Amino acid sequence: MASAFHDLGAFAALFSIRLFRLRMPVRGLGFLACLALVPACYEWYLWSHFHTPFALLTAEDSWHRHWSAPLVNAFDAIARGHFTTITAITLAFACLVAVQAYVALRCDVRLWATPSQGIICSLETCLWMTAILVLGLCANMPNNPLESVLRFYAILW
């Protein structure tokens, strides 16, 4: 369902690795198919009403967000004097995500998963958190470089 409400939901596809590691490839492919179904229906809706499946991307382009190397947005925020409590919370949350991703990876270093092993401390969770962390550290908004980063990290919660 996350893929229907936010483009970061596409990172949920990383959890299909779990089913492949549990030696359930058919279920893994089924998970990917179900995950792709909602965005495909939404893109069909956009195409049928707005005559382009990229209407969502056009709307996001109106934000004038650009992508930079990791942490450039944080340095830009500090250099422009936008270091607010939101900036501090965003950077602190990024550090917590990095630590949690490391803990999840350290708990799960095996090639094959076991059914009793929890998903929270797993390779898949580490990959998912790292992907969102890197995306947040690379998103750069023109007026306030860290403006939408905390929104990205709210998906992790």
N, C-alpha and C. Protein backbone atom coordinates (compact mmCIF):
# COMPACT_ATOMS: atom_id res chain seq x y z
N MET A 1 0.82 -1.20 0.00
CA MET A 1 0.00 0.00 0.00
C MET A 1 0.86 1.26 0.00
N ALA A 2 2.06 1.19 0.59
CA ALA A 2 2.91 2.39 0.64
C ALA A 2 3.25 2.89 -0.75
N SER A 3 3.37 1.98 -1.70
CA SER A 3 3.72 2.40 -3.06
C SER A 3 2.60 3.20 -3.70
N ALA A 4 1.38 3.07 -3.19
CA ALA A 4 0.26 3.82 -3.74
C ALA A 4 0.25 5.25 -3.22
N PHE A 5 0.83 5.48 -2.06
CA PHE A 5 0.73 6.78 -1.42
C PHE A 5 2.00 7.61 -1.49
N HIS A 6 3.11 6.99 -1.77
CA HIS A 6 4.36 7.73 -1.82
C HIS A 6 5.33 7.00 -2.73
N ASP A 7 6.12 7.75 -3.48
CA ASP A 7 7.06 7.11 -4.40
C ASP A 7 8.15 6.33 -3.66
N LEU A 8 8.38 6.63 -2.40
CA LEU A 8 9.36 5.86 -1.63
C LEU A 8 8.87 4.44 -1.36
N GLY A 9 7.59 4.20 -1.57
CA GLY A 9 7.05 2.86 -1.40
C GLY A 9 7.68 1.85 -2.33
N ALA A 10 8.28 2.33 -3.43
CA ALA A 10 8.96 1.42 -4.36
C ALA A 10 10.10 0.69 -3.67
N PHE A 11 10.68 1.30 -2.63
CA PHE A 11 11.75 0.64 -1.91
C PHE A 11 11.26 -0.60 -1.15
N ALA A 12 9.95 -0.75 -0.98
CA ALA A 12 9.41 -1.95 -0.33
C ALA A 12 9.72 -3.19 -1.14
N ALA A 13 10.05 -3.02 -2.42
CA ALA A 13 10.45 -4.16 -3.25
C ALA A 13 11.66 -4.87 -2.68
N LEU A 14 12.47 -4.16 -1.90
CA LEU A 14 13.64 -4.79 -1.29
C LEU A 14 13.25 -5.91 -0.33
N PHE A 15 12.04 -5.83 0.22
CA PHE A 15 11.61 -6.88 1.14
C PHE A 15 11.31 -8.20 0.42
N SER A 16 11.18 -8.17 -0.90
CA SER A 16 11.00 -9.42 -1.63
C SER A 16 12.25 -10.28 -1.55
N ILE A 17 13.39 -9.67 -1.32
CA ILE A 17 14.64 -10.42 -1.15
C ILE A 17 14.47 -11.43 -0.02
N ARG A 18 13.71 -11.03 0.99
CA ARG A 18 13.47 -11.91 2.15
C ARG A 18 12.84 -13.23 1.71
N LEU A 19 11.85 -13.16 0.84
CA LEU A 19 11.18 -14.38 0.39
C LEU A 19 12.11 -15.24 -0.46
N PHE A 20 12.98 -14.60 -1.23
CA PHE A 20 13.97 -15.38 -1.99
C PHE A 20 14.98 -16.03 -1.05
N ARG A 21 15.35 -15.32 0.01
CA ARG A 21 16.28 -15.89 0.98
C ARG A 21 15.65 -17.02 1.78
N LEU A 22 14.34 -17.01 1.93
CA LEU A 22 13.63 -18.10 2.60
C LEU A 22 13.34 -19.24 1.63
N ARG A 23 13.89 -19.14 0.43
CA ARG A 23 13.71 -20.15 -0.62
C ARG A 23 12.25 -20.25 -1.06
N MET A 24 11.60 -19.09 -1.18
CA MET A 24 10.22 -19.01 -1.65
C MET A 24 10.17 -18.05 -2.84
N PRO A 25 10.77 -18.42 -3.97
CA PRO A 25 10.85 -17.48 -5.09
C PRO A 25 9.49 -17.13 -5.70
N VAL A 26 8.55 -18.07 -5.70
CA VAL A 26 7.23 -17.79 -6.27
C VAL A 26 6.52 -16.73 -5.42
N ARG A 27 6.62 -16.86 -4.11
CA ARG A 27 6.01 -15.85 -3.24
C ARG A 27 6.72 -14.50 -3.40
N GLY A 28 8.03 -14.53 -3.59
CA GLY A 28 8.77 -13.30 -3.82
C GLY A 28 8.31 -12.59 -5.08
N LEU A 29 8.12 -13.35 -6.15
CA LEU A 29 7.62 -12.76 -7.40
C LEU A 29 6.18 -12.28 -7.24
N GLY A 30 5.38 -13.03 -6.47
CA GLY A 30 4.01 -12.61 -6.19
C GLY A 30 3.96 -11.32 -5.39
N PHE A 31 4.87 -11.19 -4.43
CA PHE A 31 4.96 -9.96 -3.64
C PHE A 31 5.29 -8.77 -4.54
N LEU A 32 6.25 -8.95 -5.45
CA LEU A 32 6.61 -7.89 -6.38
C LEU A 32 5.45 -7.53 -7.31
N ALA A 33 4.73 -8.55 -7.76
CA ALA A 33 3.59 -8.29 -8.64
C ALA A 33 2.50 -7.51 -7.90
N CYS A 34 2.20 -7.90 -6.67
CA CYS A 34 1.19 -7.17 -5.89
C CYS A 34 1.65 -5.75 -5.58
N LEU A 35 2.95 -5.60 -5.32
CA LEU A 35 3.48 -4.28 -5.03
C LEU A 35 3.38 -3.37 -6.25
N ALA A 36 3.56 -3.93 -7.43
CA ALA A 36 3.51 -3.14 -8.66
C ALA A 36 2.08 -2.87 -9.13
N LEU A 37 1.11 -3.62 -8.64
CA LEU A 37 -0.26 -3.49 -9.11
C LEU A 37 -0.87 -2.11 -8.81
N VAL A 38 -0.71 -1.63 -7.59
CA VAL A 38 -1.31 -0.35 -7.21
C VAL A 38 -0.70 0.81 -8.00
N PRO A 39 0.63 0.94 -8.09
CA PRO A 39 1.16 2.04 -8.91
C PRO A 39 0.78 1.91 -10.38
N ALA A 40 0.68 0.69 -10.89
CA ALA A 40 0.30 0.50 -12.29
C ALA A 40 -1.13 1.00 -12.51
N CYS A 41 -2.04 0.70 -11.59
CA CYS A 41 -3.42 1.20 -11.69
C CYS A 41 -3.46 2.72 -11.59
N TYR A 42 -2.64 3.27 -10.72
CA TYR A 42 -2.60 4.72 -10.56
C TYR A 42 -2.06 5.39 -11.82
N GLU A 43 -1.02 4.81 -12.41
CA GLU A 43 -0.47 5.36 -13.65
C GLU A 43 -1.49 5.24 -14.79
N TRP A 44 -2.25 4.16 -14.82
CA TRP A 44 -3.31 4.02 -15.82
C TRP A 44 -4.36 5.12 -15.64
N TYR A 45 -4.72 5.40 -14.39
CA TYR A 45 -5.67 6.48 -14.09
C TYR A 45 -5.13 7.81 -14.60
N LEU A 46 -3.86 8.10 -14.32
CA LEU A 46 -3.27 9.36 -14.78
C LEU A 46 -3.28 9.43 -16.31
N TRP A 47 -2.98 8.32 -16.94
CA TRP A 47 -2.97 8.30 -18.41
C TRP A 47 -4.36 8.54 -18.97
N SER A 48 -5.36 7.90 -18.35
CA SER A 48 -6.71 8.02 -18.89
C SER A 48 -7.32 9.41 -18.64
N HIS A 49 -6.92 10.10 -17.57
CA HIS A 49 -7.49 11.41 -17.26
C HIS A 49 -6.63 12.59 -17.72
N PHE A 50 -5.32 12.41 -17.69
CA PHE A 50 -4.42 13.53 -18.03
C PHE A 50 -3.59 13.24 -19.28
N HIS A 51 -3.79 12.08 -19.89
CA HIS A 51 -3.14 11.67 -21.13
C HIS A 51 -1.62 11.58 -21.02
N THR A 52 -1.16 11.38 -19.82
CA THR A 52 0.27 11.10 -19.61
C THR A 52 0.41 10.30 -18.31
N PRO A 53 1.18 9.24 -18.32
CA PRO A 53 1.39 8.50 -17.08
C PRO A 53 2.40 9.21 -16.17
N PHE A 54 2.97 10.31 -16.65
CA PHE A 54 4.00 11.00 -15.89
C PHE A 54 3.49 12.27 -15.22
N ALA A 55 2.19 12.37 -15.02
CA ALA A 55 1.62 13.55 -14.37
C ALA A 55 2.16 13.73 -12.96
N LEU A 56 2.37 12.65 -12.25
CA LEU A 56 2.91 12.74 -10.90
C LEU A 56 4.32 13.31 -10.92
N LEU A 57 5.13 12.89 -11.89
CA LEU A 57 6.49 13.41 -11.99
C LEU A 57 6.47 14.90 -12.35
N THR A 58 5.54 15.30 -13.19
CA THR A 58 5.41 16.72 -13.54
C THR A 58 5.05 17.54 -12.31
N ALA A 59 4.15 17.02 -11.49
CA ALA A 59 3.79 17.72 -10.26
C ALA A 59 4.99 17.83 -9.33
N GLU A 60 5.77 16.77 -9.20
CA GLU A 60 6.96 16.81 -8.34
C GLU A 60 8.01 17.76 -8.90
N ASP A 61 8.09 17.90 -10.22
CA ASP A 61 9.04 18.83 -10.82
C ASP A 61 8.71 20.28 -10.47
N SER A 62 7.46 20.56 -10.14
CA SER A 62 7.09 21.93 -9.79
C SER A 62 7.73 22.36 -8.48
N TRP A 63 8.24 21.41 -7.70
CA TRP A 63 8.93 21.75 -6.46
C TRP A 63 10.35 22.24 -6.72
N HIS A 64 10.85 21.98 -7.94
CA HIS A 64 12.21 22.37 -8.33
C HIS A 64 13.27 21.71 -7.46
N ARG A 65 12.98 20.51 -7.00
CA ARG A 65 13.96 19.76 -6.22
C ARG A 65 15.04 19.27 -7.17
N HIS A 66 16.26 19.30 -6.72
CA HIS A 66 17.34 18.72 -7.50
C HIS A 66 18.12 17.76 -6.60
N TRP A 67 18.96 16.99 -7.20
CA TRP A 67 19.68 15.96 -6.47
C TRP A 67 21.16 16.32 -6.43
N SER A 68 21.76 16.11 -5.29
CA SER A 68 23.16 16.44 -5.10
C SER A 68 23.86 15.25 -4.43
N ALA A 69 25.14 15.40 -4.23
CA ALA A 69 25.89 14.36 -3.51
C ALA A 69 25.38 14.29 -2.06
N PRO A 70 25.55 13.16 -1.39
CA PRO A 70 25.07 13.05 -0.01
C PRO A 70 25.67 14.13 0.90
N LEU A 71 24.83 14.67 1.75
CA LEU A 71 25.14 15.69 2.76
C LEU A 71 25.37 17.09 2.21
N VAL A 72 25.35 17.26 0.89
CA VAL A 72 25.48 18.61 0.34
C VAL A 72 24.30 19.46 0.79
N ASN A 73 23.11 18.84 0.88
CA ASN A 73 21.93 19.59 1.32
C ASN A 73 22.10 20.09 2.75
N ALA A 74 22.71 19.30 3.62
CA ALA A 74 22.93 19.72 5.01
C ALA A 74 23.92 20.87 5.06
N PHE A 75 25.00 20.78 4.30
CA PHE A 75 25.99 21.87 4.27
C PHE A 75 25.39 23.14 3.66
N ASP A 76 24.54 22.98 2.64
CA ASP A 76 23.86 24.14 2.05
C ASP A 76 22.93 24.80 3.06
N ALA A 77 22.23 23.99 3.83
CA ALA A 77 21.31 24.55 4.84
C ALA A 77 22.08 25.34 5.88
N ILE A 78 23.22 24.82 6.31
CA ILE A 78 24.03 25.53 7.30
C ILE A 78 24.61 26.81 6.69
N ALA A 79 25.11 26.72 5.45
CA ALA A 79 25.73 27.88 4.79
C ALA A 79 24.71 28.99 4.53
N ARG A 80 23.46 28.64 4.25
CA ARG A 80 22.42 29.64 3.98
C ARG A 80 21.75 30.17 5.24
N GLY A 81 22.16 29.66 6.37
CA GLY A 81 21.56 30.12 7.63
C GLY A 81 20.22 29.49 7.93
N HIS A 82 19.93 28.35 7.33
CA HIS A 82 18.67 27.66 7.58
C HIS A 82 18.83 26.58 8.64
N PHE A 83 19.82 26.72 9.50
CA PHE A 83 20.01 25.71 10.53
C PHE A 83 19.01 25.97 11.64
N THR A 84 17.89 25.25 11.58
CA THR A 84 16.81 25.40 12.55
C THR A 84 16.72 24.12 13.38
N THR A 85 15.74 24.07 14.25
CA THR A 85 15.55 22.85 15.02
C THR A 85 15.14 21.69 14.10
N ILE A 86 14.42 22.00 13.02
CA ILE A 86 14.05 20.95 12.06
C ILE A 86 15.30 20.38 11.40
N THR A 87 16.27 21.25 11.09
CA THR A 87 17.54 20.78 10.51
C THR A 87 18.25 19.87 11.49
N ALA A 88 18.30 20.26 12.75
CA ALA A 88 18.96 19.45 13.77
C ALA A 88 18.26 18.11 13.94
N ILE A 89 16.93 18.13 13.97
CA ILE A 89 16.16 16.89 14.10
C ILE A 89 16.39 15.99 12.89
N THR A 90 16.42 16.57 11.70
CA THR A 90 16.64 15.80 10.47
C THR A 90 17.99 15.12 10.49
N LEU A 91 19.03 15.87 10.86
CA LEU A 91 20.38 15.29 10.89
C LEU A 91 20.51 14.25 12.00
N ALA A 92 19.89 14.50 13.16
CA ALA A 92 19.92 13.51 14.24
C ALA A 92 19.19 12.24 13.83
N PHE A 93 18.06 12.41 13.15
CA PHE A 93 17.30 11.24 12.69
C PHE A 93 18.11 10.46 11.65
N ALA A 94 18.83 11.17 10.77
CA ALA A 94 19.68 10.50 9.78
C ALA A 94 20.76 9.67 10.47
N CYS A 95 21.33 10.20 11.53
CA CYS A 95 22.33 9.43 12.28
C CYS A 95 21.71 8.19 12.92
N LEU A 96 20.51 8.34 13.49
CA LEU A 96 19.83 7.20 14.10
C LEU A 96 19.51 6.13 13.05
N VAL A 97 19.09 6.55 11.87
CA VAL A 97 18.78 5.60 10.79
C VAL A 97 20.05 4.85 10.38
N ALA A 98 21.16 5.56 10.27
CA ALA A 98 22.42 4.91 9.90
C ALA A 98 22.82 3.88 10.95
N VAL A 99 22.67 4.21 12.21
CA VAL A 99 23.00 3.26 13.29
C VAL A 99 22.07 2.05 13.23
N GLN A 100 20.77 2.28 13.05
CA GLN A 100 19.83 1.17 13.00
C GLN A 100 20.08 0.28 11.79
N ALA A 101 20.43 0.88 10.65
CA ALA A 101 20.74 0.08 9.46
C ALA A 101 21.96 -0.80 9.72
N TYR A 102 22.96 -0.25 10.41
CA TYR A 102 24.15 -1.04 10.75
C TYR A 102 23.79 -2.18 11.69
N VAL A 103 22.96 -1.90 12.69
CA VAL A 103 22.54 -2.94 13.64
C VAL A 103 21.78 -4.04 12.91
N ALA A 104 20.89 -3.66 12.00
CA ALA A 104 20.11 -4.65 11.25
C ALA A 104 21.03 -5.52 10.39
N LEU A 105 22.02 -4.92 9.77
CA LEU A 105 22.96 -5.69 8.95
C LEU A 105 23.81 -6.60 9.81
N ARG A 106 24.26 -6.11 10.95
CA ARG A 106 25.11 -6.91 11.83
C ARG A 106 24.36 -8.12 12.38
N CYS A 107 23.07 -7.98 12.61
CA CYS A 107 22.28 -9.10 13.13
C CYS A 107 22.03 -10.17 12.07
N ASP A 108 22.16 -9.81 10.80
CA ASP A 108 21.81 -10.74 9.73
C ASP A 108 22.90 -10.72 8.66
N VAL A 109 23.83 -11.63 8.78
CA VAL A 109 24.91 -11.68 7.81
C VAL A 109 24.89 -12.98 7.00
N ARG A 110 23.85 -13.78 7.18
CA ARG A 110 23.75 -15.05 6.47
C ARG A 110 23.17 -14.86 5.08
N LEU A 111 23.54 -15.76 4.18
CA LEU A 111 22.99 -15.72 2.82
C LEU A 111 21.53 -16.15 2.83
N TRP A 112 21.21 -17.21 3.58
CA TRP A 112 19.83 -17.71 3.64
C TRP A 112 19.21 -17.32 4.96
N ALA A 113 18.00 -16.83 4.93
CA ALA A 113 17.29 -16.44 6.14
C ALA A 113 16.62 -17.65 6.76
N THR A 114 16.34 -17.57 8.04
CA THR A 114 15.58 -18.62 8.72
C THR A 114 14.19 -18.09 9.00
N PRO A 115 13.17 -18.97 8.95
CA PRO A 115 11.79 -18.50 9.16
C PRO A 115 11.57 -17.85 10.52
N SER A 116 12.32 -18.25 11.55
CA SER A 116 12.12 -17.69 12.88
C SER A 116 12.80 -16.34 13.07
N GLN A 117 13.65 -15.98 12.14
CA GLN A 117 14.38 -14.72 12.26
C GLN A 117 13.46 -13.54 11.99
N GLY A 118 13.53 -12.53 12.83
CA GLY A 118 12.68 -11.36 12.67
C GLY A 118 13.09 -10.49 11.49
N ILE A 119 12.12 -9.79 10.93
CA ILE A 119 12.38 -8.94 9.76
C ILE A 119 13.02 -7.62 10.16
N ILE A 120 12.84 -7.19 11.41
CA ILE A 120 13.38 -5.89 11.82
C ILE A 120 14.90 -5.88 11.75
N CYS A 121 15.53 -6.91 12.25
CA CYS A 121 16.99 -7.01 12.18
C CYS A 121 17.35 -7.93 11.03
N SER A 122 17.29 -7.40 9.82
CA SER A 122 17.56 -8.23 8.66
C SER A 122 18.28 -7.42 7.59
N LEU A 123 18.85 -8.13 6.65
CA LEU A 123 19.51 -7.52 5.50
C LEU A 123 18.53 -6.64 4.73
N GLU A 124 17.30 -7.12 4.57
CA GLU A 124 16.30 -6.38 3.81
C GLU A 124 15.98 -5.04 4.46
N THR A 125 15.84 -5.03 5.79
CA THR A 125 15.58 -3.79 6.51
C THR A 125 16.77 -2.84 6.38
N CYS A 126 17.97 -3.38 6.45
CA CYS A 126 19.16 -2.56 6.28
C CYS A 126 19.18 -1.91 4.90
N LEU A 127 18.90 -2.68 3.85
CA LEU A 127 18.89 -2.13 2.49
C LEU A 127 17.80 -1.08 2.32
N TRP A 128 16.63 -1.34 2.87
CA TRP A 128 15.50 -0.42 2.77
C TRP A 128 15.81 0.90 3.46
N MET A 129 16.32 0.81 4.69
CA MET A 129 16.64 2.02 5.45
C MET A 129 17.78 2.80 4.79
N THR A 130 18.78 2.09 4.29
CA THR A 130 19.91 2.75 3.64
C THR A 130 19.47 3.47 2.37
N ALA A 131 18.58 2.85 1.60
CA ALA A 131 18.10 3.49 0.37
C ALA A 131 17.37 4.79 0.67
N ILE A 132 16.50 4.79 1.68
CA ILE A 132 15.77 6.00 2.04
C ILE A 132 16.71 7.03 2.67
N LEU A 133 17.68 6.56 3.46
CA LEU A 133 18.65 7.47 4.06
C LEU A 133 19.45 8.21 2.99
N VAL A 134 19.95 7.47 2.02
CA VAL A 134 20.75 8.08 0.95
C VAL A 134 19.90 9.03 0.12
N LEU A 135 18.66 8.64 -0.18
CA LEU A 135 17.78 9.52 -0.94
C LEU A 135 17.54 10.83 -0.18
N GLY A 136 17.32 10.73 1.12
CA GLY A 136 17.12 11.94 1.93
C GLY A 136 18.35 12.82 2.01
N LEU A 137 19.52 12.21 2.02
CA LEU A 137 20.75 12.99 2.09
C LEU A 137 21.12 13.62 0.75
N CYS A 138 20.44 13.18 -0.33
CA CYS A 138 20.73 13.72 -1.67
C CYS A 138 19.67 14.69 -2.16
N ALA A 139 18.49 14.73 -1.54
CA ALA A 139 17.42 15.64 -1.98
C ALA A 139 17.76 17.06 -1.57
N ASN A 140 17.64 17.99 -2.49
CA ASN A 140 18.02 19.36 -2.23
C ASN A 140 16.96 20.29 -2.79
N MET A 141 16.31 21.05 -1.92
CA MET A 141 15.27 21.98 -2.32
C MET A 141 15.88 23.37 -2.48
N PRO A 142 15.34 24.22 -3.38
CA PRO A 142 15.98 25.50 -3.65
C PRO A 142 15.97 26.49 -2.48
N ASN A 143 14.87 26.62 -1.78
CA ASN A 143 14.80 27.62 -0.70
C ASN A 143 15.38 27.11 0.60
N ASN A 144 14.98 25.94 1.00
CA ASN A 144 15.52 25.32 2.21
C ASN A 144 15.98 23.92 1.82
N PRO A 145 17.29 23.68 1.74
CA PRO A 145 17.80 22.42 1.20
C PRO A 145 17.28 21.16 1.88
N LEU A 146 16.92 21.24 3.14
CA LEU A 146 16.46 20.05 3.86
C LEU A 146 14.94 20.01 4.02
N GLU A 147 14.22 20.77 3.20
CA GLU A 147 12.78 20.96 3.40
C GLU A 147 11.99 19.66 3.39
N SER A 148 12.21 18.77 2.46
CA SER A 148 11.38 17.56 2.38
C SER A 148 12.06 16.32 2.93
N VAL A 149 13.24 16.48 3.47
CA VAL A 149 14.00 15.30 3.93
C VAL A 149 13.32 14.64 5.12
N LEU A 150 12.84 15.44 6.07
CA LEU A 150 12.18 14.86 7.23
C LEU A 150 10.92 14.09 6.82
N ARG A 151 10.27 14.55 5.75
CA ARG A 151 9.10 13.83 5.22
C ARG A 151 9.52 12.47 4.68
N PHE A 152 10.68 12.41 4.02
CA PHE A 152 11.20 11.12 3.55
C PHE A 152 11.43 10.19 4.74
N TYR A 153 12.05 10.74 5.77
CA TYR A 153 12.40 9.89 6.92
C TYR A 153 11.18 9.50 7.75
N ALA A 154 10.08 10.22 7.60
CA ALA A 154 8.85 9.84 8.29
C ALA A 154 8.33 8.50 7.76
N ILE A 155 8.66 8.17 6.51
CA ILE A 155 8.27 6.88 5.96
C ILE A 155 8.92 5.75 6.77
N LEU A 156 10.12 5.98 7.26
CA LEU A 156 10.80 4.95 8.05
C LEU A 156 10.07 4.66 9.35
N TRP A 157 9.45 5.68 9.93
CA TRP A 157 8.75 5.49 11.19
C TRP A 157 7.60 4.53 11.00
